[in-house]
Amino acid sequence: MPPLELTSIPAVSPSLAEVLRLCPLRAGLSRADGASQFVLGQPKAWLGTAYHSVLENAADGGAAAADEAAWLAAISLQHDRARRHSLDQRFGPPERWPGYQLVRAMALMRAREFAKASRGAGRSGASEGGEAAREQWLSAANGRLVGRPDLIRGDAVIDYKTGDVHEQGDSSIAKGSYVRQLQIYALLVKERTGRWPARGVLLPMEGPPFEVAMEPAACERAAADAVSLLEQYNRRMESGGVPARLASPTPEACRRCPYQILCPAFWAAATDSWTGQIGAAAVGGCAQAAPRPIHGGAAFALSIAADEGTGPLGELGLAPLNPAVHTSLAKVQTGGRVRVTGLARRADGTVVPTLRTVVARFEELPGVVVAGSTILNEKGAGPAQQQHAADGAARRR
């Protein structure tokens, strides 16, 4: 398996800046060719993309039938991509994706509200200062800062959100990451138009819009910070070395990371002390036997001696595992090393597979290198992989 190559990143967007802030290695992997084949997708994110498409259509004053067509077209694109992905095809048709009907209903309802508000703003002149513009590609800082705001209308830059926009459930405070994104968008708008937006608006799928005053000085600081994060990352790319040192492995940073299964820093840092902080469990170890068919061959049980990950460590039985979903099971042999992520932890401490469980043979996972460097990281190919696993087990003993 050829390694994934980390390269420099030419420009930073508001969302990428937040990833760089959380974990530079995660940002690098998000840009590495071939990494996506090891990442299990999120139906919630696919529905969010469709939700955005419907609101974009509403911004053009589309009718209800056009909103429905926009939804179906966007969902079709997401479904086609998922069907071609070896991991994502497990989620089946869109109607089975968790939250499908709710997101669809809210998207169509929001679209009608949004189109009505847009027509009203146009009649009243509330959009003075320029026509509404959506999904425009903007740049600043000599092209190092880029972004595509969902909507710019009047004195406001508007960002659609499918989840909660509040910090820790406090309805009086917006999430810091969302505020920084709005501030960067505001600076990008200023670069394009010469005028600062007075307001940033978070438009959630449920609940009222949340407005944030756009203060020029704060927007400039947020933009400068994003560019600084990009420059720090690129300097580390230029210096080469071990990619794992780019990581910030903590329960908070790793909790929702899609690259857990192939991240060397995660497996080196994760211990059973992370239990309760990281959500889904992840374990790695050697198979004690080839997977055993159960339920008349409809599923398999896998026994491993877990020596790394969030635990539990020791002898584990993982079942039921669908062979149509976990295709690597057919190649697992006694003594072969495997890693498993996305396990649910029961109240008694045992773990069981879920729809989000991923099983991979260790030898199928790529190493990660800095482009142009000959130094493999802790999870490089061949014998280095086994040595890393042995080192991890020794640390835990």
Protein backbone atom coordinates (compact mmCIF):
# COMPACT_ATOMS: atom_id res chain seq x y z
CA MET A 1 0.00 0.00 0.00
CA PRO A 2 1.66 3.28 -1.09
CA PRO A 3 1.79 5.90 1.66
CA LEU A 4 -0.44 8.96 1.79
CA GLU A 5 1.57 12.08 1.01
CA LEU A 6 1.06 15.29 2.94
CA THR A 7 1.69 18.41 0.90
CA SER A 8 1.64 22.14 1.49
CA ILE A 9 -1.75 23.84 1.25
CA PRO A 10 -1.96 26.94 -0.95
CA ALA A 11 -4.95 28.63 0.69
CA VAL A 12 -7.08 28.40 3.80
CA SER A 13 -10.87 28.67 4.03
CA PRO A 14 -12.90 29.45 7.16
CA SER A 15 -13.70 25.77 7.71
CA LEU A 16 -10.14 24.58 7.02
CA ALA A 17 -8.83 27.14 9.51
CA GLU A 18 -10.88 25.45 12.23
CA VAL A 19 -9.44 22.04 11.29
CA LEU A 20 -5.90 23.44 11.37
CA ARG A 21 -6.64 24.91 14.80
CA LEU A 22 -7.87 21.53 16.07
CA CYS A 23 -5.24 19.25 14.47
CA PRO A 24 -2.83 20.14 11.62
CA LEU A 25 -2.39 16.46 10.70
CA ARG A 26 -6.12 16.10 10.20
CA ALA A 27 -6.04 19.12 7.88
CA GLY A 28 -3.17 17.57 5.91
CA LEU A 29 -4.95 14.23 5.58
CA SER A 30 -8.07 15.99 4.34
CA ARG A 31 -6.00 17.15 1.36
CA ALA A 32 -4.03 13.92 0.79
CA ASP A 33 -4.83 12.01 -2.41
CA GLY A 34 -6.30 8.61 -1.59
CA ALA A 35 -7.17 9.31 2.05
CA SER A 36 -10.92 9.50 1.38
CA GLN A 37 -11.15 5.78 0.61
CA PHE A 38 -10.39 5.05 4.28
CA VAL A 39 -12.96 7.53 5.62
CA LEU A 40 -16.48 6.51 6.52
CA GLY A 41 -18.85 9.28 5.43
CA GLN A 42 -21.56 11.03 7.38
CA PRO A 43 -25.14 10.84 6.06
CA LYS A 44 -25.87 13.88 8.22
CA ALA A 45 -23.29 15.84 6.23
CA TRP A 46 -24.75 14.62 2.93
CA LEU A 47 -28.20 15.77 4.03
CA GLY A 48 -26.65 19.09 5.01
CA THR A 49 -25.29 19.51 1.49
CA ALA A 50 -28.77 18.91 0.07
CA TYR A 51 -30.21 21.36 2.59
CA HIS A 52 -27.79 24.02 1.36
CA SER A 53 -28.74 23.33 -2.25
CA VAL A 54 -32.42 23.92 -1.52
CA LEU A 55 -31.71 27.24 0.19
CA GLU A 56 -29.51 28.31 -2.70
CA ASN A 57 -32.42 27.64 -5.02
CA ALA A 58 -34.71 29.67 -2.73
CA ALA A 59 -32.25 32.56 -2.87
CA ASP A 60 -32.97 32.69 -6.61
CA GLY A 61 -36.69 32.99 -5.89
CA GLY A 62 -37.51 29.45 -6.98
CA ALA A 63 -41.01 27.99 -6.59
CA ALA A 64 -41.90 25.08 -4.30
CA ALA A 65 -41.56 22.60 -7.17
CA ALA A 66 -38.09 23.93 -7.90
CA ASP A 67 -37.15 23.50 -4.23
CA GLU A 68 -38.22 19.85 -4.34
CA ALA A 69 -36.28 19.35 -7.58
CA ALA A 70 -33.20 20.93 -6.01
CA TRP A 71 -33.49 18.56 -3.04
CA LEU A 72 -33.83 15.47 -5.21
CA ALA A 73 -30.95 16.50 -7.48
CA ALA A 74 -28.61 17.13 -4.55
CA ILE A 75 -29.61 13.89 -2.80
CA SER A 76 -29.06 11.94 -6.02
CA LEU A 77 -25.51 13.27 -6.31
CA GLN A 78 -24.73 12.31 -2.72
CA HIS A 79 -26.27 8.85 -3.11
CA ASP A 80 -24.37 8.16 -6.34
CA ARG A 81 -21.10 9.06 -4.63
CA ALA A 82 -21.92 6.90 -1.60
CA ARG A 83 -22.76 3.89 -3.77
CA ARG A 84 -19.33 4.07 -5.39
CA HIS A 85 -17.50 4.28 -2.06
CA SER A 86 -16.52 0.94 -0.51
CA LEU A 87 -17.35 2.10 3.02
CA ASP A 88 -20.26 4.46 2.42
CA GLN A 89 -22.40 2.07 0.39
CA ARG A 90 -23.50 0.46 3.66
CA PHE A 91 -25.92 3.31 4.33
CA GLY A 92 -28.26 2.26 1.52
CA PRO A 93 -30.89 4.48 -0.13
CA PRO A 94 -31.27 8.06 1.11
CA GLU A 95 -34.66 7.44 2.69
CA ARG A 96 -32.88 5.20 5.20
CA TRP A 97 -30.33 7.82 6.20
CA PRO A 98 -30.92 8.99 9.77
CA GLY A 99 -32.89 12.23 9.77
CA TYR A 100 -33.74 12.17 6.05
CA GLN A 101 -37.41 13.10 6.34
CA LEU A 102 -36.79 15.75 8.99
CA VAL A 103 -34.03 17.50 7.04
CA ARG A 104 -36.07 17.37 3.84
CA ALA A 105 -39.12 18.90 5.53
CA MET A 106 -37.06 21.61 7.23
CA ALA A 107 -35.20 22.43 4.01
CA LEU A 108 -38.43 22.94 2.07
CA MET A 109 -39.97 24.96 4.89
CA ARG A 110 -36.89 27.15 5.30
CA ALA A 111 -36.75 27.67 1.56
CA ARG A 112 -40.30 29.07 1.50
CA GLU A 113 -39.57 31.32 4.47
CA PHE A 114 -36.32 32.46 2.92
CA ALA A 115 -37.81 33.16 -0.50
CA LYS A 116 -40.65 35.15 1.09
CA ALA A 117 -38.20 37.19 3.17
CA SER A 118 -36.07 37.84 0.08
CA ARG A 119 -39.06 39.11 -1.91
CA GLY A 120 -40.09 41.30 1.00
CA ALA A 121 -36.60 42.72 1.34
CA GLY A 122 -36.55 43.52 -2.36
CA ARG A 123 -39.91 45.36 -2.25
CA SER A 124 -39.01 47.35 0.87
CA GLY A 125 -35.52 48.23 -0.24
CA ALA A 126 -34.05 46.49 2.81
CA SER A 127 -31.35 44.99 0.61
CA GLU A 128 -29.97 48.41 -0.27
CA GLY A 129 -26.27 48.31 -0.98
CA GLY A 130 -26.30 45.59 -3.58
CA GLU A 131 -28.25 42.59 -4.81
CA ALA A 132 -28.12 39.28 -3.02
CA ALA A 133 -25.13 37.15 -4.02
CA ARG A 134 -24.75 33.46 -3.18
CA GLU A 135 -21.85 31.04 -3.25
CA GLN A 136 -19.42 33.59 -4.69
CA TRP A 137 -15.78 32.56 -4.58
CA LEU A 138 -13.84 35.27 -2.72
CA SER A 139 -10.18 35.65 -1.82
CA ALA A 140 -7.84 37.88 0.18
CA ALA A 141 -4.26 37.95 1.49
CA ASN A 142 -2.82 37.43 -2.00
CA GLY A 143 -4.95 34.34 -2.52
CA ARG A 144 -3.97 32.63 0.73
CA LEU A 145 -7.41 33.23 2.28
CA VAL A 146 -10.44 32.00 0.36
CA GLY A 147 -14.10 31.33 1.00
CA ARG A 148 -17.54 30.97 -0.50
CA PRO A 149 -20.21 32.54 1.74
CA ASP A 150 -23.63 30.94 1.47
CA LEU A 151 -25.31 34.31 0.94
CA ILE A 152 -24.42 37.99 0.97
CA ARG A 153 -27.50 40.20 1.17
CA GLY A 154 -27.61 43.87 2.00
CA ASP A 155 -25.45 44.48 5.07
CA ALA A 156 -25.37 40.81 6.11
CA VAL A 157 -23.29 37.73 5.36
CA ILE A 158 -25.41 34.63 5.95
CA ASP A 159 -24.22 31.12 6.76
CA TYR A 160 -26.62 28.13 6.68
CA LYS A 161 -26.22 25.55 9.45
CA THR A 162 -27.97 22.21 9.92
CA GLY A 163 -27.02 21.75 13.58
CA ASP A 164 -27.14 23.76 16.77
CA VAL A 165 -25.45 27.15 16.39
CA HIS A 166 -25.12 27.79 20.14
CA GLU A 167 -22.11 27.22 22.38
CA GLN A 168 -22.74 24.29 24.72
CA GLY A 169 -26.48 24.74 24.45
CA ASP A 170 -26.34 28.35 25.68
CA SER A 171 -28.85 30.16 23.47
CA SER A 172 -27.22 33.53 24.19
CA ILE A 173 -23.81 32.61 22.70
CA ALA A 174 -22.92 31.41 19.21
CA LYS A 175 -20.24 28.75 18.74
CA GLY A 176 -16.83 30.35 18.62
CA SER A 177 -15.88 28.45 15.46
CA TYR A 178 -19.01 29.71 13.67
CA VAL A 179 -18.34 33.30 14.71
CA ARG A 180 -14.76 33.10 13.40
CA GLN A 181 -16.05 31.75 10.09
CA LEU A 182 -18.49 34.65 9.77
CA GLN A 183 -15.70 37.11 10.59
CA ILE A 184 -13.48 35.69 7.86
CA TYR A 185 -16.36 35.81 5.38
CA ALA A 186 -16.94 39.46 6.37
CA LEU A 187 -13.31 40.32 5.59
CA LEU A 188 -13.54 38.53 2.24
CA VAL A 189 -16.66 40.55 1.40
CA LYS A 190 -14.86 43.76 2.38
CA GLU A 191 -11.98 42.83 0.06
CA ARG A 192 -14.41 42.30 -2.82
CA THR A 193 -16.85 45.18 -2.28
CA GLY A 194 -14.94 47.73 -0.23
CA ARG A 195 -17.68 47.65 2.44
CA TRP A 196 -17.80 45.79 5.75
CA PRO A 197 -20.94 43.72 6.38
CA ALA A 198 -22.57 45.02 9.56
CA ARG A 199 -24.00 41.64 10.53
CA GLY A 200 -23.19 37.98 10.37
CA VAL A 201 -26.22 35.71 10.43
CA LEU A 202 -26.25 32.02 11.34
CA LEU A 203 -29.37 30.45 9.85
CA PRO A 204 -29.97 27.09 11.60
CA MET A 205 -32.25 24.40 10.29
CA GLU A 206 -34.38 24.71 13.42
CA GLY A 207 -34.89 27.80 15.50
CA PRO A 208 -34.51 31.51 14.79
CA PRO A 209 -31.53 33.12 13.04
CA PHE A 210 -28.64 34.16 15.27
CA GLU A 211 -27.06 37.52 14.49
CA VAL A 212 -23.52 38.55 15.33
CA ALA A 213 -22.21 42.09 14.95
CA MET A 214 -19.26 42.19 12.57
CA GLU A 215 -16.54 44.38 14.11
CA PRO A 216 -13.80 45.11 11.54
CA ALA A 217 -10.93 44.73 14.02
CA ALA A 218 -12.19 41.32 15.18
CA CYS A 219 -12.69 40.21 11.58
CA GLU A 220 -9.15 41.22 10.69
CA ARG A 221 -7.78 39.29 13.68
CA ALA A 222 -9.71 36.16 12.71
CA ALA A 223 -8.47 36.37 9.13
CA ALA A 224 -4.87 36.98 10.19
CA ASP A 225 -5.05 34.03 12.58
CA ALA A 226 -6.31 31.76 9.79
CA VAL A 227 -3.45 32.79 7.50
CA SER A 228 -0.97 32.29 10.36
CA LEU A 229 -2.24 28.74 10.93
CA LEU A 230 -1.77 28.04 7.23
CA GLU A 231 1.77 29.42 7.23
CA GLN A 232 2.73 27.39 10.30
CA TYR A 233 1.47 24.22 8.65
CA ASN A 234 3.33 24.91 5.41
CA ARG A 235 6.58 25.65 7.23
CA ARG A 236 6.33 22.25 8.88
CA MET A 237 5.74 20.68 5.48
CA GLU A 238 8.88 22.33 4.14
CA SER A 239 10.97 21.07 7.06
CA GLY A 240 9.85 17.45 6.51
CA GLY A 241 10.09 14.96 9.37
CA VAL A 242 7.54 12.70 11.04
CA PRO A 243 3.92 13.52 10.14
CA ALA A 244 2.59 12.27 13.48
CA ARG A 245 4.22 15.27 15.13
CA LEU A 246 1.72 17.47 13.30
CA ALA A 247 -1.08 15.92 15.32
CA SER A 248 -2.78 17.12 18.49
CA PRO A 249 -4.07 13.79 19.84
CA THR A 250 -6.56 14.45 22.62
CA PRO A 251 -10.03 13.01 23.25
CA GLU A 252 -11.54 16.30 22.12
CA ALA A 253 -9.53 16.51 18.89
CA CYS A 254 -9.90 12.81 18.04
CA ARG A 255 -13.55 12.35 19.04
CA ARG A 256 -15.04 13.04 15.61
CA CYS A 257 -11.92 12.64 13.49
CA PRO A 258 -12.67 10.62 10.34
CA TYR A 259 -9.02 9.53 10.04
CA GLN A 260 -8.77 7.59 13.31
CA ILE A 261 -8.13 4.22 11.73
CA LEU A 262 -5.00 5.34 9.86
CA CYS A 263 -3.70 8.10 12.15
CA PRO A 264 -0.44 7.10 13.86
CA ALA A 265 -0.78 9.77 16.54
CA PHE A 266 -4.22 8.54 17.57
CA TRP A 267 -3.08 4.95 18.12
CA ALA A 268 0.05 6.07 19.94
CA ALA A 269 -1.89 8.33 22.32
CA ALA A 270 -5.27 6.63 22.86
CA THR A 271 -5.67 4.66 26.10
CA ASP A 272 -8.54 3.39 28.19
CA SER A 273 -8.33 6.68 30.12
CA TRP A 274 -10.11 8.21 27.11
CA THR A 275 -13.20 6.10 27.86
CA GLY A 276 -16.21 8.31 28.30
CA GLN A 277 -14.53 11.26 26.58
CA ILE A 278 -14.25 10.06 23.01
CA GLY A 279 -17.59 8.37 22.35
CA ALA A 280 -17.10 5.40 20.02
CA ALA A 281 -14.39 2.92 21.03
CA ALA A 282 -11.42 1.91 18.87
CA VAL A 283 -9.18 -1.12 19.38
CA GLY A 284 -6.33 -2.83 17.59
CA GLY A 285 -4.71 -6.21 18.03
CA CYS A 286 -3.99 -9.62 16.53
CA ALA A 287 -6.75 -11.98 15.41
CA GLN A 288 -6.85 -15.07 17.59
CA ALA A 289 -8.45 -17.04 14.78
CA ALA A 290 -9.97 -16.51 11.37
CA PRO A 291 -13.41 -14.86 11.57
CA ARG A 292 -16.09 -17.41 12.55
CA PRO A 293 -19.44 -17.53 10.69
CA ILE A 294 -22.55 -17.10 12.85
CA HIS A 295 -26.29 -16.79 12.21
CA GLY A 296 -26.10 -19.36 9.48
CA GLY A 297 -23.28 -17.56 7.71
CA ALA A 298 -25.14 -14.21 7.56
CA ALA A 299 -22.59 -12.63 9.90
CA PHE A 300 -19.15 -13.25 11.39
CA ALA A 301 -17.57 -13.08 14.83
CA LEU A 302 -14.01 -11.83 15.18
CA SER A 303 -11.83 -12.54 18.22
CA ILE A 304 -8.78 -10.35 18.80
CA ALA A 305 -6.21 -9.81 21.52
CA ALA A 306 -6.51 -6.02 21.78
CA ASP A 307 -3.32 -4.22 22.83
CA GLU A 308 -3.93 -0.66 21.60
CA GLY A 309 -6.70 1.90 21.42
CA THR A 310 -9.32 3.20 23.81
CA GLY A 311 -10.04 -0.27 25.15
CA PRO A 312 -11.17 -2.54 26.49
CA LEU A 313 -7.84 -4.30 26.06
CA GLY A 314 -7.30 -8.03 26.22
CA GLU A 315 -9.35 -10.76 24.58
CA LEU A 316 -12.36 -9.34 22.75
CA GLY A 317 -15.14 -10.93 20.73
CA LEU A 318 -16.69 -8.62 18.13
CA ALA A 319 -20.01 -9.70 16.63
CA PRO A 320 -22.09 -9.58 14.56
CA LEU A 321 -20.03 -8.28 11.64
CA ASN A 322 -21.66 -8.16 8.21
CA PRO A 323 -19.24 -9.64 5.63
CA ALA A 324 -20.87 -7.59 2.87
CA VAL A 325 -19.95 -4.42 4.75
CA HIS A 326 -16.63 -5.49 6.28
CA THR A 327 -15.08 -7.02 3.19
CA SER A 328 -11.60 -7.23 4.71
CA LEU A 329 -12.82 -9.99 7.05
CA ALA A 330 -12.38 -12.53 4.27
CA LYS A 331 -8.60 -11.97 4.37
CA VAL A 332 -8.09 -11.94 8.14
CA GLN A 333 -5.98 -14.86 9.29
CA THR A 334 -4.86 -16.12 12.67
CA GLY A 335 -2.23 -13.74 14.03
CA GLY A 336 -3.07 -11.06 11.49
CA ARG A 337 -3.24 -7.56 12.92
CA VAL A 338 -6.49 -5.60 12.64
CA ARG A 339 -7.82 -2.26 13.76
CA VAL A 340 -11.47 -1.55 14.50
CA THR A 341 -13.11 1.84 15.03
CA GLY A 342 -16.70 2.99 15.62
CA LEU A 343 -17.56 0.45 18.33
CA ALA A 344 -20.30 1.15 20.84
CA ARG A 345 -19.45 0.68 24.49
CA ARG A 346 -22.05 -1.00 26.68
CA ALA A 347 -22.71 -0.13 30.31
CA ASP A 348 -20.78 -3.23 31.39
CA GLY A 349 -17.66 -2.05 29.49
CA THR A 350 -17.92 -4.47 26.56
CA VAL A 351 -18.01 -3.20 22.98
CA VAL A 352 -20.21 -4.13 20.02
CA PRO A 353 -20.20 -3.23 16.31
CA THR A 354 -22.47 -0.48 14.99
CA LEU A 355 -23.36 0.87 11.57
CA ARG A 356 -20.32 3.13 11.88
CA THR A 357 -17.84 0.35 12.69
CA VAL A 358 -14.86 0.05 10.35
CA VAL A 359 -12.60 -3.03 10.30
CA ALA A 360 -9.25 -2.90 8.53
CA ARG A 361 -6.31 -5.26 8.28
CA PHE A 362 -3.20 -3.48 9.43
CA GLU A 363 -1.29 -4.27 6.25
CA GLU A 364 -4.04 -2.61 4.19
CA LEU A 365 -3.60 0.73 5.92
CA PRO A 366 -1.19 3.19 4.29
CA GLY A 367 1.60 4.99 6.03
CA VAL A 368 1.67 8.79 6.02
CA VAL A 369 4.67 10.77 4.73
CA VAL A 370 5.56 14.35 4.00
CA ALA A 371 5.85 14.71 0.22
CA GLY A 372 9.46 14.53 -0.85
CA SER A 373 10.56 13.00 2.44
CA THR A 374 12.00 9.49 2.70
CA ILE A 375 11.09 9.20 6.38
CA LEU A 376 8.07 7.00 7.03
CA ASN A 377 6.05 7.81 10.08
CA GLU A 378 5.35 5.47 12.97
CA LYS A 379 2.84 3.58 10.87
CA GLY A 380 4.88 3.04 7.74
CA ALA A 381 4.81 0.00 5.54
CA GLY A 382 5.94 -3.53 6.22
CA PRO A 383 8.03 -4.35 9.32
CA ALA A 384 7.75 -0.79 10.60
CA GLN A 385 4.03 -1.37 11.06
CA GLN A 386 4.58 -4.39 13.23
CA GLN A 387 7.25 -2.58 15.21
CA HIS A 388 4.92 0.33 15.88
CA ALA A 389 2.25 -2.06 17.10
CA ALA A 390 4.75 -3.80 19.35
CA ASP A 391 5.93 -0.46 20.73
CA GLY A 392 2.35 0.53 21.48
CA ALA A 393 1.70 -2.72 23.30
CA ALA A 394 4.89 -2.31 25.34
CA ARG A 395 3.85 1.20 26.40
CA ARG A 396 0.54 -0.14 27.65
CA ARG A 397 2.19 -2.90 29.64
